[in-house]
Protein backbone atom coordinates (compact mmCIF):
# COMPACT_ATOMS: atom_id res chain seq x y z
CA VAL A 1 -0.88 3.79 -13.76
CA PRO A 2 -1.71 0.16 -13.80
CA VAL A 3 -4.82 -1.76 -14.98
CA ASP A 4 -6.04 -4.21 -12.51
CA GLY A 5 -6.04 -7.95 -13.13
CA SER A 6 -3.48 -9.79 -15.46
CA HIS A 7 -2.08 -6.55 -16.59
CA TRP A 8 -1.10 -5.73 -13.07
CA LEU A 9 0.23 -9.15 -12.23
CA SER A 10 2.60 -8.81 -15.33
CA MET A 11 3.64 -5.31 -14.62
CA GLN A 12 4.48 -6.28 -10.94
CA GLU A 13 7.63 -8.23 -12.33
CA VAL A 14 8.79 -5.11 -14.50
CA LEU A 15 8.36 -2.81 -11.56
CA ASP A 16 10.44 -5.29 -9.32
CA MET A 17 13.26 -5.37 -11.91
CA LEU A 18 13.33 -1.56 -12.21
CA ARG A 19 13.51 -1.21 -8.53
CA GLN A 20 16.48 -3.68 -8.29
CA THR A 21 18.28 -1.57 -10.85
CA GLY A 22 17.97 1.61 -8.67
CA HIS A 23 14.75 3.21 -10.18
CA GLU A 24 12.33 5.04 -8.09
CA VAL A 25 8.89 3.44 -8.79
CA VAL A 26 5.62 5.16 -8.24
CA VAL A 27 2.28 3.35 -8.64
CA VAL A 28 -0.78 5.57 -8.99
CA ALA A 29 -4.13 3.27 -8.32
CA PRO A 30 -7.49 3.60 -7.05
CA GLU A 31 -8.01 2.62 -3.26
CA VAL A 32 -10.41 -0.14 -4.46
CA SER A 33 -8.75 -2.84 -6.64
CA MET A 34 -8.51 -6.56 -6.90
CA HIS A 35 -4.69 -7.03 -7.13
CA ILE A 36 -2.97 -3.81 -6.73
CA LYS A 37 -1.66 -3.52 -3.21
CA PRO A 38 1.16 -1.47 -1.43
CA SER A 39 4.80 -3.02 -1.63
CA LYS A 40 8.13 -2.42 -0.31
CA ASN A 41 9.33 -2.11 -3.76
CA PHE A 42 7.39 1.06 -4.82
CA VAL A 43 5.78 4.16 -3.59
CA MET A 44 1.97 3.90 -3.80
CA LYS A 45 -0.28 6.78 -4.53
CA MET A 46 -3.90 6.04 -4.04
CA TYR A 47 -7.02 8.09 -4.82
CA PRO A 48 -10.80 7.39 -3.74
CA VAL A 49 -13.18 6.13 -6.19
CA PRO A 50 -17.09 6.08 -6.04
CA TYR A 51 -17.39 2.28 -5.48
CA THR A 52 -16.51 -0.40 -2.84
CA GLN A 53 -14.49 -3.39 -2.68
CA GLU A 54 -17.56 -5.45 -2.37
CA GLU A 55 -19.13 -3.95 -5.46
CA LEU A 56 -16.01 -4.53 -7.61
CA GLU A 57 -15.80 -8.14 -6.40
CA LYS A 58 -19.34 -8.94 -6.94
CA ASP A 59 -19.63 -7.83 -10.56
CA PHE A 60 -16.27 -9.38 -11.35
CA LYS A 61 -17.47 -12.62 -9.75
CA ALA A 62 -20.93 -12.49 -11.61
CA PHE A 63 -19.13 -11.88 -14.78
CA PHE A 64 -16.92 -14.82 -14.58
CA HIS A 65 -19.83 -17.14 -13.50
CA GLY A 66 -21.94 -15.75 -16.28
CA SER A 67 -19.40 -16.63 -18.71
CA PHE A 68 -19.94 -20.36 -18.05
CA GLU A 69 -23.78 -20.29 -17.80
CA GLU A 70 -25.78 -22.57 -20.06
CA GLY A 71 -28.34 -21.14 -22.34
CA THR A 72 -28.85 -20.02 -25.81
CA PHE A 73 -25.91 -18.27 -27.71
CA PHE A 74 -27.74 -14.83 -27.83
CA GLY A 75 -28.86 -15.15 -24.18
CA ARG A 76 -25.27 -15.77 -22.97
CA PHE A 77 -23.85 -13.11 -25.45
CA PHE A 78 -26.11 -10.39 -23.94
CA HIS A 79 -25.45 -11.47 -20.45
CA ILE A 80 -21.67 -11.28 -20.97
CA LEU A 81 -21.99 -8.01 -22.80
CA GLU A 82 -23.82 -6.51 -19.76
CA GLY A 83 -21.23 -7.83 -17.45
CA MET A 84 -18.39 -6.27 -19.72
CA LYS A 85 -20.35 -3.00 -19.64
CA ARG A 86 -20.36 -3.14 -15.76
CA ILE A 87 -16.63 -3.94 -15.42
CA THR A 88 -15.62 -1.23 -18.04
CA ASN A 89 -17.48 1.28 -15.90
CA PHE A 90 -15.19 0.55 -13.15
CA GLY A 91 -12.37 1.37 -15.32
CA VAL A 92 -13.88 4.56 -16.63
CA SER A 93 -15.06 5.81 -13.25
CA SER A 94 -11.59 5.08 -11.90
CA CYS A 95 -9.82 7.20 -14.70
CA GLU A 96 -12.48 10.12 -14.15
CA TYR A 97 -11.69 10.29 -10.41
CA LEU A 98 -7.94 10.18 -11.04
CA LEU A 99 -8.12 13.14 -13.31
CA GLN A 100 -10.58 15.10 -11.07
CA ASN A 101 -8.07 14.60 -8.10
CA LYS A 102 -6.40 17.95 -8.11
CA GLU A 103 -4.05 17.29 -5.15
CA LEU A 104 -2.85 13.97 -6.93
CA ILE A 105 -2.46 15.49 -10.33
CA ARG A 106 -0.57 18.46 -8.88
CA TYR A 107 1.75 16.03 -6.98
CA LEU A 108 2.20 14.03 -10.24
CA GLU A 109 3.09 17.29 -12.16
CA GLU A 110 5.42 18.63 -9.67
CA SER A 111 7.33 15.28 -9.30
CA LYS A 112 7.55 15.22 -13.22
CA PHE A 113 5.60 11.95 -13.17
């Protein structure tokens, strides 16, 4: 169950090497993500989440742009803190929706994931 962003980009190489050595690789990911996309190197199991691709991209862009804005230390600090909260909420929501997806959880249990 990967985390989007740089964690996923690093993990992709590991998954490719596992596949090359004969392992079956199953990736469980939300339907909305920035970098996690289907590949011939692994089986993809996706689940719905309550946010859109546009919302995810908008909040990430706002966070990164806000990180370079000028202003007082405290103004920038609180702006970045708010951005981190919004981004963290995507991850929390994603985990909640995964754990509430009974069909996917049943598949994972039956396949000894």
